[in-house]
Every structure is written in structure tokens, then in C-alpha cells.
Amino acid sequence: MEKTLTPRALGFGMPAEWAPHAATWTAWPYDDEKWLGYLEPVRQEFAAFVNTLARFEPVHLVVNDEESEQDARKRLSGPIRFHRIPHNDLWLRDSGAIFVTRPTKGPGAEPELAAVNWEFNGWGRKYPAELDNQMPQHMAAILGVKLFEAGLVMEGGSLEVNGEGVGLTTRQCLRSPERNPGHDEAALEAALREYLGIEHLVWLGEGLEGDHTDGHIDTLTRFTSPRTIVTSVSDPDDPNHRPLQENLEILQSLEGFQIVELPLPQNPLWIEETRLPLTYANFYIANGAVLVPLYGDPRDKQALEILRPLFPGREVIGLMSRYLMTGGGSFHCVTQQQPQGQVWKG
């Protein structure tokens, strides 16, 4: 009978990103055509990111083929474990397994670790995703952990949790008709409660202009502690201003939370007629560090100054993401944290 129980029924829940990590999962960029001819500068930025991350914790790096693996090995150093897994793209935040943990008894006892498999359909059937949809099974098999099957389309970038039962998302993404048609908000909330332990879900509205993910929360609004939320804001003449202001007002109406405003970069970047969803909110919280995307923008320094006091005890490091953003995301989008814990096989 235990096999039919949900993670929540068994005592599992999704910890906050700042909880101790055993490792981070990410994937190496490949295919120059996918990167619009920018693959080499993308790999340069990505190598700087992974090498910095590996100073703070081990990295599981997924590589698509022999060329990818050899290229990555030439550029990277540190505690990096390579996994040859064919995949469509590198956005493991959305395609990868989401890990959950369960407390164990005893002083200093490690929690137990399991994983949840959500379906991934290329951000509402916009892009090929057949290989990426198999990524959770690969990750669970490598680690030997129990993999719960949620049976719904859900991307990790569409969810933000504080580790104490509160989650953030957007209606633009989760209510997208190409993801879970026929499921209303109550059904989606119930799934997030049972599989990730989110007891209270805060719904924001819309995301950034040019965001092909339909408004992922990790480009907009992030927890920096259980009761502190940083949220993106923009200039009044920016088309992003109205939706970001509406999101800000929803957050300010919450009781018991400190809301910190984080401006978008000053200068937009474009690929042909599409605006890239530049944001400083797509930072990644690692053991002892927070890695923040920078764009060579006048507001880069200001963003770091806003974020540093929010992460006492962690080194807040800015790294260039100008070329990586041509794919539509940055450091949070390409990572999936593996919390510290002993493998639970179910």
C-alpha cells in the first residue's frame, strides 16, 4: 500500500534552495544552431559559472555526446561528475527531477532523499521535449532514489518555495492551456501540496515580455529566506511595468513577509524582434554562495548591492550571462539542486 502514498503522506516535502546541497545538476550547452551561432561565447560564460559553482559544491554535469564531454572536460575543473545522457536542451530546472526530503530522528541525522517526476512538454509544446522529459528517470537511476510520478506537467522554474510550506507561482504559466487542460487552480494546488508539500500557494499574474516559459516565477520573484521575498520591478515606461507592479501589490498584501524590490536591467537586449527576459532574479543559491547573472548593464552593481545583505554568510558573486540569456534563461534555469540526504529507495 505504501507505493500508492504521495510524498506528503510519507512526510516528504521540497526544501528551500538555501538548505544544504549534496550537489547541483546541470547540463553542458551544445548545438550551435540552437544557440543562434553563439555557442562558443555561451560555453565560455557557462564554464565560468560551473567552475565557480564547483568551488562550493559538487556538480553533476549532463553531456549530450562525445564532443560535449570533451569540450566540457577541457574547460572545467573541480568535483564534477559527468553523465552521458542525450537531451534536447540544458534547462534542467524545468526538465529535471525535483528532489524532496524527509526528516529523520536522531542528533545530526541526515534527512532521507527522494525525487518527483513531473511531465515536461517543452513549455506548453513550444519546443521538442521528448528526450528532456526522460531526464528525471535518468537522474533517479543514477542516484538510486525513489521517483514519485506526479502525472502533471510542471516546470521547476514555475515554482518557488520557502521550505516552510509557502510557494509562489504565476497564473500565466500554471494555468496555461497547453500544460494541464482541464485542471483548475484547486487541482493544481492539491498536486503541489501532495507532491512537494506546498500548503499555501501564492498566485502572481504575468511574467516578463519575451519569456517563452509563460512567466516563470524564477525570472520574477524569489525567496531569499523563509520570510523575505525579492521581486523584480521596472521603469514606468517599460512594458513590463504594469504586470510587475501588479505582482508587487499582491506580495505587499501578504502578512508577515518582507518584500524587497529588485530593478530589471536598464538596457533591454533583443534577438531579432524578440526581447530577451533579462532579470537579476534568476540567481542560484549554492552552498556558501549566490551566483547572480550580470549583463554588462549599468544596474549590475546595484543588483548585487541589493542582494548581498539578503544572504548573510553567503558570498554573492556576479557572473556574466549576456550570451547564455540568448536561450531565454540564466543560472537558475540551468540548475537543479540535489539536497543533502541519504537515498530513500521506497
Protein backbone atom coordinates (compact mmCIF):
# COMPACT_ATOMS: atom_id res chain seq x y z
CA MET A 1 0.00 0.00 0.00
CA GLU A 2 2.86 2.40 0.69
CA LYS A 3 3.66 2.69 -3.02
CA THR A 4 0.35 4.47 -3.60
CA LEU A 5 1.06 7.15 -0.99
CA THR A 6 2.15 10.64 -2.04
CA PRO A 7 5.39 12.24 -0.83
CA ARG A 8 3.43 14.45 1.58
CA ALA A 9 1.62 11.44 3.07
CA LEU A 10 5.03 9.86 3.68
CA GLY A 11 6.45 13.01 5.30
CA PHE A 12 8.43 14.36 2.31
CA GLY A 13 8.50 17.97 1.13
CA MET A 14 10.58 20.24 -1.07
CA PRO A 15 13.22 22.10 0.94
CA ALA A 16 14.17 25.71 0.25
CA GLU A 17 17.04 26.26 -2.14
CA TRP A 18 19.28 27.51 0.69
CA ALA A 19 19.03 24.17 2.53
CA PRO A 20 22.34 22.25 2.35
CA HIS A 21 23.08 20.69 -1.04
CA ALA A 22 24.78 17.40 -1.79
CA ALA A 23 25.30 18.61 -5.36
CA THR A 24 23.89 20.62 -8.25
CA TRP A 25 22.70 19.13 -11.54
CA THR A 26 23.20 21.00 -14.81
CA ALA A 27 23.89 20.24 -18.49
CA TRP A 28 26.51 21.39 -20.98
CA PRO A 29 25.37 23.58 -23.91
CA TYR A 30 25.64 22.05 -27.37
CA ASP A 31 24.43 22.63 -30.95
CA ASP A 32 25.50 25.98 -32.40
CA GLU A 33 22.24 26.24 -34.34
CA LYS A 34 20.18 26.10 -31.15
CA TRP A 35 22.31 28.90 -29.78
CA LEU A 36 21.89 31.05 -32.89
CA GLY A 37 25.60 30.95 -33.62
CA TYR A 38 26.59 31.98 -30.08
CA LEU A 39 27.63 28.53 -28.80
CA GLU A 40 31.28 29.46 -28.17
CA PRO A 41 30.59 32.57 -26.04
CA VAL A 42 27.75 30.67 -24.31
CA ARG A 43 30.20 27.92 -23.38
CA GLN A 44 32.69 30.48 -22.11
CA GLU A 45 30.09 32.01 -19.79
CA PHE A 46 28.83 28.58 -18.78
CA ALA A 47 32.31 27.35 -17.94
CA ALA A 48 32.87 30.37 -15.69
CA PHE A 49 29.58 29.59 -13.97
CA VAL A 50 30.24 25.86 -13.45
CA ASN A 51 33.84 26.41 -12.32
CA THR A 52 32.62 28.95 -9.77
CA LEU A 53 29.81 26.67 -8.60
CA ALA A 54 32.24 23.75 -8.23
CA ARG A 55 34.23 25.78 -5.70
CA PHE A 56 31.26 25.48 -3.34
CA GLU A 57 29.71 22.07 -4.04
CA PRO A 58 29.93 19.01 -6.31
CA VAL A 59 28.34 19.21 -9.76
CA HIS A 60 26.55 16.51 -11.78
CA LEU A 61 27.08 17.56 -15.41
CA VAL A 62 24.92 16.04 -18.14
CA VAL A 63 26.63 15.95 -21.55
CA ASN A 64 24.89 15.10 -24.80
CA ASP A 65 27.68 13.42 -26.75
CA GLU A 66 31.42 12.87 -27.09
CA GLU A 67 32.11 16.40 -28.38
CA SER A 68 30.22 17.96 -25.49
CA GLU A 69 32.01 15.86 -22.90
CA GLN A 70 35.47 16.53 -24.30
CA ASP A 71 34.77 20.26 -24.60
CA ALA A 72 33.48 20.43 -21.04
CA ARG A 73 36.42 18.46 -19.65
CA LYS A 74 38.84 20.91 -21.29
CA ARG A 75 37.17 23.93 -19.74
CA LEU A 76 36.15 22.69 -16.29
CA SER A 77 37.84 21.64 -13.08
CA GLY A 78 36.77 20.63 -9.59
CA PRO A 79 34.38 17.99 -8.21
CA ILE A 80 32.40 17.39 -11.40
CA ARG A 81 30.78 14.06 -12.30
CA PHE A 82 29.95 13.60 -15.99
CA HIS A 83 26.85 11.76 -17.26
CA ARG A 84 26.39 11.00 -20.97
CA ILE A 85 22.63 11.42 -21.49
CA PRO A 86 21.07 12.51 -24.79
CA HIS A 87 18.82 15.51 -24.20
CA ASN A 88 17.10 18.32 -26.06
CA ASP A 89 18.43 21.27 -24.09
CA LEU A 90 20.19 22.29 -20.91
CA TRP A 91 17.33 23.74 -18.82
CA LEU A 92 17.39 21.14 -16.03
CA ARG A 93 15.42 23.41 -13.70
CA ASP A 94 12.41 22.58 -15.85
CA SER A 95 13.16 19.12 -17.23
CA GLY A 96 14.96 17.54 -14.29
CA ALA A 97 13.60 15.75 -11.26
CA ILE A 98 12.59 17.87 -8.27
CA PHE A 99 14.02 16.50 -5.04
CA VAL A 100 12.12 16.15 -1.78
CA THR A 101 13.39 15.25 1.68
CA ARG A 102 12.02 13.72 4.88
CA PRO A 103 13.46 14.44 8.34
CA THR A 104 14.96 11.56 10.27
CA LYS A 105 15.30 11.16 14.01
CA GLY A 106 18.49 11.44 15.97
CA PRO A 107 21.04 14.22 16.55
CA GLY A 108 22.75 15.23 13.32
CA ALA A 109 20.81 12.66 11.30
CA GLU A 110 20.62 13.37 7.58
CA PRO A 111 17.16 13.62 6.01
CA GLU A 112 16.03 10.99 3.53
CA LEU A 113 16.06 11.93 -0.17
CA ALA A 114 13.53 11.09 -2.89
CA ALA A 115 12.56 12.68 -6.21
CA VAL A 116 9.43 13.70 -8.09
CA ASN A 117 8.88 13.31 -11.82
CA TRP A 118 6.69 15.99 -13.38
CA GLU A 119 5.94 15.78 -17.09
CA PHE A 120 7.80 18.27 -19.28
CA ASN A 121 6.28 19.22 -22.64
CA GLY A 122 8.60 21.95 -23.88
CA TRP A 123 6.96 24.90 -22.11
CA GLY A 124 3.50 24.24 -23.45
CA ARG A 125 4.53 22.38 -26.63
CA LYS A 126 6.71 25.22 -27.96
CA TYR A 127 9.88 23.14 -28.35
CA PRO A 128 10.87 19.47 -28.75
CA ALA A 129 10.99 17.80 -25.34
CA GLU A 130 10.82 14.01 -25.75
CA LEU A 131 14.38 13.44 -24.53
CA ASP A 132 14.19 16.09 -21.80
CA ASN A 133 11.01 14.51 -20.46
CA GLN A 134 13.06 11.41 -19.61
CA MET A 135 15.65 13.33 -17.56
CA PRO A 136 14.07 12.61 -14.13
CA GLN A 137 14.25 8.86 -14.74
CA HIS A 138 17.95 9.15 -15.63
CA MET A 139 18.70 11.23 -12.53
CA ALA A 140 16.81 8.90 -10.20
CA ALA A 141 18.52 5.83 -11.68
CA ILE A 142 21.98 7.36 -11.28
CA LEU A 143 21.33 8.19 -7.63
CA GLY A 144 19.21 5.11 -6.86
CA VAL A 145 16.40 7.15 -5.31
CA LYS A 146 12.66 6.57 -5.28
CA LEU A 147 10.95 8.53 -8.08
CA PHE A 148 7.35 9.59 -7.45
CA GLU A 149 5.20 10.08 -10.57
CA ALA A 150 3.09 13.22 -10.30
CA GLY A 151 1.37 12.80 -13.68
CA LEU A 152 1.04 16.54 -14.38
CA VAL A 153 3.05 18.99 -16.47
CA MET A 154 5.10 21.17 -14.16
CA GLU A 155 8.41 23.01 -14.58
CA GLY A 156 10.74 23.71 -11.69
CA GLY A 157 11.18 27.30 -12.84
CA SER A 158 7.47 27.91 -12.37
CA LEU A 159 7.68 27.23 -8.61
CA GLU A 160 9.43 28.94 -5.71
CA VAL A 161 9.27 27.60 -2.15
CA ASN A 162 10.38 28.83 1.26
CA GLY A 163 10.77 25.37 2.83
CA GLU A 164 8.01 26.12 5.32
CA GLY A 165 5.00 25.28 3.20
CA VAL A 166 4.63 28.51 1.21
CA GLY A 167 5.02 28.54 -2.58
CA LEU A 168 4.95 31.18 -5.30
CA THR A 169 3.84 30.78 -8.92
CA THR A 170 2.12 32.67 -11.76
CA ARG A 171 -1.26 32.10 -13.33
CA GLN A 172 0.19 32.85 -16.76
CA CYS A 173 2.31 29.71 -16.54
CA LEU A 174 0.46 27.18 -14.40
CA ARG A 175 -2.93 27.95 -15.95
CA SER A 176 -1.55 27.80 -19.49
CA PRO A 177 -4.00 25.73 -21.59
CA GLU A 178 -1.11 23.84 -23.23
CA ARG A 179 0.11 22.43 -19.93
CA ASN A 180 -2.72 20.90 -17.89
CA PRO A 181 -6.04 21.49 -19.65
CA GLY A 182 -8.98 20.56 -17.51
CA HIS A 183 -7.17 21.19 -14.22
CA ASP A 184 -8.36 24.20 -12.26
CA GLU A 185 -6.40 26.05 -9.59
CA ALA A 186 -7.69 23.83 -6.83
CA ALA A 187 -6.47 20.69 -8.62
CA LEU A 188 -3.05 22.22 -9.28
CA GLU A 189 -2.75 23.37 -5.66
CA ALA A 190 -3.67 19.88 -4.48
CA ALA A 191 -0.96 18.31 -6.66
CA LEU A 192 1.68 20.72 -5.37
CA ARG A 193 0.57 20.02 -1.81
CA GLU A 194 0.75 16.24 -2.19
CA TYR A 195 3.98 16.02 -4.17
CA LEU A 196 6.04 18.97 -2.87
CA GLY A 197 4.45 19.83 0.47
CA ILE A 198 3.28 23.31 -0.56
CA GLU A 199 0.46 24.08 1.86
CA HIS A 200 -0.17 27.67 0.75
CA LEU A 201 0.34 28.75 -2.86
CA VAL A 202 0.53 32.47 -3.71
CA TRP A 203 -0.61 33.20 -7.26
CA LEU A 204 1.02 36.11 -9.08
CA GLY A 205 -0.07 37.26 -12.52
CA GLU A 206 2.12 37.65 -15.59
CA GLY A 207 5.82 37.44 -16.33
CA LEU A 208 8.35 39.30 -18.44
CA GLU A 209 7.97 40.36 -22.04
CA GLY A 210 9.68 37.85 -24.35
CA ASP A 211 9.65 34.99 -21.81
CA HIS A 212 8.84 31.80 -23.76
CA THR A 213 8.16 29.97 -20.48
CA ASP A 214 4.95 31.98 -20.00
CA GLY A 215 6.06 33.81 -16.90
CA HIS A 216 8.25 31.53 -14.82
CA ILE A 217 8.44 32.75 -11.24
CA ASP A 218 12.23 32.34 -11.14
CA THR A 219 12.63 35.27 -13.53
CA LEU A 220 10.40 37.43 -11.35
CA THR A 221 10.18 36.75 -7.64
CA ARG A 222 12.33 34.69 -5.26
CA PHE A 223 12.51 33.80 -1.59
CA THR A 224 15.84 34.76 -0.01
CA SER A 225 14.78 33.50 3.43
CA PRO A 226 11.56 31.98 4.81
CA ARG A 227 10.04 35.44 5.30
CA THR A 228 11.89 37.62 2.77
CA ILE A 229 10.89 37.90 -0.89
CA VAL A 230 12.78 39.79 -3.58
CA THR A 231 10.70 40.79 -6.62
CA SER A 232 11.51 42.38 -9.96
CA VAL A 233 10.34 45.93 -10.77
CA SER A 234 10.86 48.10 -13.84
CA ASP A 235 10.75 51.69 -15.04
CA PRO A 236 7.30 53.20 -15.67
CA ASP A 237 7.88 53.40 -19.44
CA ASP A 238 8.81 49.70 -19.69
CA PRO A 239 6.07 47.35 -20.99
CA ASN A 240 6.97 45.11 -18.04
CA HIS A 241 5.98 47.80 -15.54
CA ARG A 242 2.26 47.06 -15.24
CA PRO A 243 2.47 43.27 -14.67
CA LEU A 244 5.44 43.64 -12.32
CA GLN A 245 3.61 46.35 -10.35
CA GLU A 246 0.55 44.11 -10.04
CA ASN A 247 2.74 41.29 -8.76
CA LEU A 248 4.37 43.67 -6.28
CA GLU A 249 0.99 44.72 -4.92
CA ILE A 250 -0.06 41.08 -4.40
CA LEU A 251 3.17 40.41 -2.49
CA GLN A 252 2.79 43.55 -0.38
CA SER A 253 -0.65 42.36 0.67
CA LEU A 254 0.85 39.23 2.30
CA GLU A 255 1.17 39.35 6.07
CA GLY A 256 4.46 38.54 7.73
CA PHE A 257 6.77 38.93 4.71
CA GLN A 258 9.44 41.50 3.91
CA ILE A 259 9.29 42.49 0.23
CA VAL A 260 12.46 43.81 -1.44
CA GLU A 261 12.34 45.43 -4.89
CA LEU A 262 14.94 44.39 -7.47
CA PRO A 263 15.07 46.50 -10.65
CA LEU A 264 15.37 44.91 -14.06
CA PRO A 265 18.49 45.72 -16.11
CA GLN A 266 18.32 49.20 -17.58
CA ASN A 267 19.06 48.31 -21.20
CA PRO A 268 16.97 45.66 -22.99
CA LEU A 269 18.60 43.09 -25.28
CA TRP A 270 16.86 41.76 -28.37
CA ILE A 271 17.15 38.73 -30.67
CA GLU A 272 15.64 39.94 -33.92
CA GLU A 273 12.18 41.16 -32.84
CA THR A 274 12.06 39.26 -29.53
CA ARG A 275 13.07 40.95 -26.31
CA LEU A 276 15.14 38.75 -24.01
CA PRO A 277 13.73 38.41 -20.47
CA LEU A 278 16.75 39.91 -18.70
CA THR A 279 16.48 39.69 -14.92
CA TYR A 280 18.68 39.60 -11.85
CA ALA A 281 16.13 37.37 -10.06
CA ASN A 282 17.41 34.26 -11.86
CA PHE A 283 20.21 33.81 -9.32
CA TYR A 284 21.16 30.39 -7.96
CA ILE A 285 21.65 29.73 -4.23
CA ALA A 286 24.50 27.27 -3.65
CA ASN A 287 26.30 26.13 -0.50
CA GLY A 288 28.06 29.27 0.71
CA ALA A 289 27.35 31.32 -2.42
CA VAL A 290 24.71 33.02 -4.53
CA LEU A 291 25.53 33.22 -8.24
CA VAL A 292 23.87 36.22 -9.90
CA PRO A 293 23.56 36.80 -13.68
CA LEU A 294 25.07 40.06 -14.96
CA TYR A 295 24.73 41.61 -18.40
CA GLY A 296 27.26 44.42 -18.64
CA ASP A 297 24.40 46.73 -17.66
CA PRO A 298 24.53 49.97 -15.62
CA ARG A 299 22.36 48.29 -12.96
CA ASP A 300 24.57 45.21 -12.47
CA LYS A 301 26.33 46.75 -9.46
CA GLN A 302 23.06 47.94 -7.91
CA ALA A 303 21.54 44.46 -8.17
CA LEU A 304 24.48 42.91 -6.31
CA GLU A 305 24.25 45.61 -3.63
CA ILE A 306 20.55 44.82 -3.10
CA LEU A 307 21.09 41.07 -2.92
CA ARG A 308 24.22 40.90 -0.72
CA PRO A 309 22.54 41.87 2.58
CA LEU A 310 19.80 39.31 1.94
CA PHE A 311 22.24 36.39 2.07
CA PRO A 312 24.35 36.72 5.23
CA GLY A 313 27.01 34.02 5.36
CA ARG A 314 26.99 33.51 1.59
CA GLU A 315 29.28 35.06 -0.99
CA VAL A 316 27.16 36.88 -3.59
CA ILE A 317 29.01 36.57 -6.89
CA GLY A 318 28.07 38.23 -10.18
CA LEU A 319 28.90 36.36 -13.39
CA MET A 320 28.25 37.31 -17.00
CA SER A 321 25.17 35.80 -18.64
CA ARG A 322 24.74 38.03 -21.67
CA TYR A 323 25.13 35.18 -24.19
CA LEU A 324 23.51 32.47 -22.08
CA MET A 325 20.40 34.66 -21.99
CA THR A 326 20.02 34.30 -25.76
CA GLY A 327 18.49 30.92 -24.90
CA GLY A 328 15.90 32.63 -22.71
CA GLY A 329 17.24 31.85 -19.22
CA SER A 330 20.20 32.04 -16.89
CA PHE A 331 21.78 30.39 -13.84
CA HIS A 332 18.64 29.29 -12.03
CA CYS A 333 17.10 27.94 -15.22
CA VAL A 334 20.09 25.67 -15.93
CA THR A 335 20.41 24.19 -12.42
CA GLN A 336 18.57 21.75 -10.18
CA GLN A 337 19.71 21.40 -6.60
CA GLN A 338 20.10 17.98 -5.00
CA PRO A 339 19.52 18.49 -1.28
CA GLN A 340 21.75 16.78 1.21
CA GLY A 341 20.25 13.48 2.31
CA GLN A 342 20.54 9.73 2.37
CA VAL A 343 18.98 7.88 -0.55
CA TRP A 344 15.46 6.57 0.09
CA LYS A 345 14.55 3.75 -2.26
CA GLY A 346 10.91 3.48 -1.26
